[in-house]
């Protein structure tokens, strides 16, 4: 069994690579990356940004086991506002 920690356990402005390094130092084997509208890993992150996070995790010996997202809280599919629902689908 691997012990894992979610990126939201770290300060919101902390880069994923720094949080992964700390997770390893704290004894975690795995890390859950968090994607949101503007961060910690923003939706606008480039493929190069995402690859850099993966490579950093591999070098640190930390598995990236899952991805969490807060987008559903910002743009819920249950919103009474059709525009909000459409943006959520997007």
C-alpha atoms as a PDB file:
ATOM      1  CA  UNK A   1       0.000   0.000   0.000  1.00  0.00           C
ATOM      2  CA  UNK A   2       1.236   3.475  -0.860  1.00  0.00           C
ATOM      3  CA  UNK A   3       0.698   6.470   1.347  1.00  0.00           C
ATOM      4  CA  UNK A   4      -0.379   9.510  -0.646  1.00  0.00           C
ATOM      5  CA  UNK A   5      -1.120  13.169  -0.083  1.00  0.00           C
ATOM      6  CA  UNK A   6      -3.259  15.627  -2.024  1.00  0.00           C
ATOM      7  CA  UNK A   7      -1.683  18.796  -3.403  1.00  0.00           C
ATOM      8  CA  UNK A   8      -4.282  20.904  -1.570  1.00  0.00           C
ATOM      9  CA  UNK A   9      -2.596  19.872   1.693  1.00  0.00           C
ATOM     10  CA  UNK A  10       0.130  22.360   0.745  1.00  0.00           C
ATOM     11  CA  UNK A  11      -0.123  26.152   0.357  1.00  0.00           C
ATOM     12  CA  UNK A  12      -2.154  27.126  -2.717  1.00  0.00           C
ATOM     13  CA  UNK A  13       0.652  29.128  -4.297  1.00  0.00           C
ATOM     14  CA  UNK A  14       3.224  26.346  -3.917  1.00  0.00           C
ATOM     15  CA  UNK A  15       4.349  24.869  -7.236  1.00  0.00           C
ATOM     16  CA  UNK A  16       3.513  21.192  -7.704  1.00  0.00           C
ATOM     17  CA  UNK A  17       7.195  20.303  -7.963  1.00  0.00           C
ATOM     18  CA  UNK A  18       7.957  21.843  -4.561  1.00  0.00           C
ATOM     19  CA  UNK A  19       4.957  20.079  -2.995  1.00  0.00           C
ATOM     20  CA  UNK A  20       6.098  16.757  -4.493  1.00  0.00           C
ATOM     21  CA  UNK A  21       9.582  17.255  -3.047  1.00  0.00           C
ATOM     22  CA  UNK A  22       8.116  17.990   0.385  1.00  0.00           C
ATOM     23  CA  UNK A  23       5.732  15.042   0.134  1.00  0.00           C
ATOM     24  CA  UNK A  24       8.717  12.748  -0.411  1.00  0.00           C
ATOM     25  CA  UNK A  25      10.589  14.344   2.502  1.00  0.00           C
ATOM     26  CA  UNK A  26       7.535  13.786   4.718  1.00  0.00           C
ATOM     27  CA  UNK A  27       7.504  10.087   3.797  1.00  0.00           C
ATOM     28  CA  UNK A  28       4.713   9.920   1.217  1.00  0.00           C
ATOM     29  CA  UNK A  29       4.983   7.492  -1.696  1.00  0.00           C
ATOM     30  CA  UNK A  30       2.361   9.087  -3.928  1.00  0.00           C
ATOM     31  CA  UNK A  31       0.863  12.456  -4.765  1.00  0.00           C
ATOM     32  CA  UNK A  32      -2.493  13.641  -6.084  1.00  0.00           C
ATOM     33  CA  UNK A  33      -2.121  16.575  -8.473  1.00  0.00           C
ATOM     34  CA  UNK A  34      -4.854  19.234  -8.245  1.00  0.00           C
ATOM     35  CA  UNK A  35      -6.092  21.009 -11.358  1.00  0.00           C
ATOM     36  CA  UNK A  36      -8.289  24.082 -11.101  1.00  0.00           C
ATOM     37  CA  UNK A  37      -9.221  27.173 -13.074  1.00  0.00           C
ATOM     38  CA  UNK A  38      -6.103  29.098 -12.003  1.00  0.00           C
ATOM     39  CA  UNK A  39      -4.110  26.657  -9.895  1.00  0.00           C
ATOM     40  CA  UNK A  40      -2.410  24.980  -8.169  1.00  0.00           C
ATOM     41  CA  UNK A  41      -2.018  23.372 -11.612  1.00  0.00           C
ATOM     42  CA  UNK A  42      -4.055  25.685 -13.839  1.00  0.00           C
ATOM     43  CA  UNK A  43      -6.209  24.443 -16.685  1.00  0.00           C
ATOM     44  CA  UNK A  44      -4.075  26.611 -18.950  1.00  0.00           C
ATOM     45  CA  UNK A  45      -0.910  24.664 -18.047  1.00  0.00           C
ATOM     46  CA  UNK A  46       1.016  23.655 -21.132  1.00  0.00           C
ATOM     47  CA  UNK A  47       1.931  20.105 -22.039  1.00  0.00           C
ATOM     48  CA  UNK A  48       5.524  21.082 -21.233  1.00  0.00           C
ATOM     49  CA  UNK A  49       4.441  22.178 -17.720  1.00  0.00           C
ATOM     50  CA  UNK A  50       2.646  18.873 -17.129  1.00  0.00           C
ATOM     51  CA  UNK A  51       5.555  16.797 -18.432  1.00  0.00           C
ATOM     52  CA  UNK A  52       7.908  18.715 -16.113  1.00  0.00           C
ATOM     53  CA  UNK A  53       5.714  17.812 -13.113  1.00  0.00           C
ATOM     54  CA  UNK A  54       5.707  14.130 -14.114  1.00  0.00           C
ATOM     55  CA  UNK A  55       9.476  14.069 -14.636  1.00  0.00           C
ATOM     56  CA  UNK A  56      10.043  15.750 -11.291  1.00  0.00           C
ATOM     57  CA  UNK A  57       7.842  13.195  -9.547  1.00  0.00           C
ATOM     58  CA  UNK A  58       9.641  10.306 -11.250  1.00  0.00           C
ATOM     59  CA  UNK A  59      13.041  11.714 -10.251  1.00  0.00           C
ATOM     60  CA  UNK A  60      11.833  12.149  -6.663  1.00  0.00           C
ATOM     61  CA  UNK A  61      10.478   8.598  -6.563  1.00  0.00           C
ATOM     62  CA  UNK A  62       6.892   9.746  -6.004  1.00  0.00           C
ATOM     63  CA  UNK A  63       4.021   8.153  -7.929  1.00  0.00           C
ATOM     64  CA  UNK A  64       1.346  10.416  -9.413  1.00  0.00           C
ATOM     65  CA  UNK A  65      -1.633   8.250  -8.579  1.00  0.00           C
ATOM     66  CA  UNK A  66      -4.595  10.496  -9.293  1.00  0.00           C
ATOM     67  CA  UNK A  67      -5.808  13.932 -10.273  1.00  0.00           C
ATOM     68  CA  UNK A  68      -8.287  16.081  -8.376  1.00  0.00           C
ATOM     69  CA  UNK A  69     -10.144  19.080  -9.736  1.00  0.00           C
ATOM     70  CA  UNK A  70     -12.037  21.955  -8.181  1.00  0.00           C
ATOM     71  CA  UNK A  71     -13.598  22.994 -11.480  1.00  0.00           C
ATOM     72  CA  UNK A  72     -16.853  21.274 -10.554  1.00  0.00           C
ATOM     73  CA  UNK A  73     -17.206  23.581  -7.566  1.00  0.00           C
ATOM     74  CA  UNK A  74     -16.662  26.681  -9.693  1.00  0.00           C
ATOM     75  CA  UNK A  75     -18.703  25.529 -12.695  1.00  0.00           C
ATOM     76  CA  UNK A  76     -21.172  22.956 -11.344  1.00  0.00           C
ATOM     77  CA  UNK A  77     -23.165  20.870 -13.784  1.00  0.00           C
ATOM     78  CA  UNK A  78     -26.152  21.350 -11.458  1.00  0.00           C
ATOM     79  CA  UNK A  79     -26.118  25.142 -11.766  1.00  0.00           C
ATOM     80  CA  UNK A  80     -29.489  26.711 -12.654  1.00  0.00           C
ATOM     81  CA  UNK A  81     -27.527  28.993 -15.001  1.00  0.00           C
ATOM     82  CA  UNK A  82     -27.186  27.362 -18.425  1.00  0.00           C
ATOM     83  CA  UNK A  83     -24.019  29.327 -19.238  1.00  0.00           C
ATOM     84  CA  UNK A  84     -22.326  28.012 -16.107  1.00  0.00           C
ATOM     85  CA  UNK A  85     -23.283  24.429 -17.038  1.00  0.00           C
ATOM     86  CA  UNK A  86     -21.965  24.904 -20.580  1.00  0.00           C
ATOM     87  CA  UNK A  87     -18.654  26.258 -19.300  1.00  0.00           C
ATOM     88  CA  UNK A  88     -18.470  23.279 -16.935  1.00  0.00           C
ATOM     89  CA  UNK A  89     -18.880  20.902 -19.873  1.00  0.00           C
ATOM     90  CA  UNK A  90     -16.166  22.738 -21.725  1.00  0.00           C
END
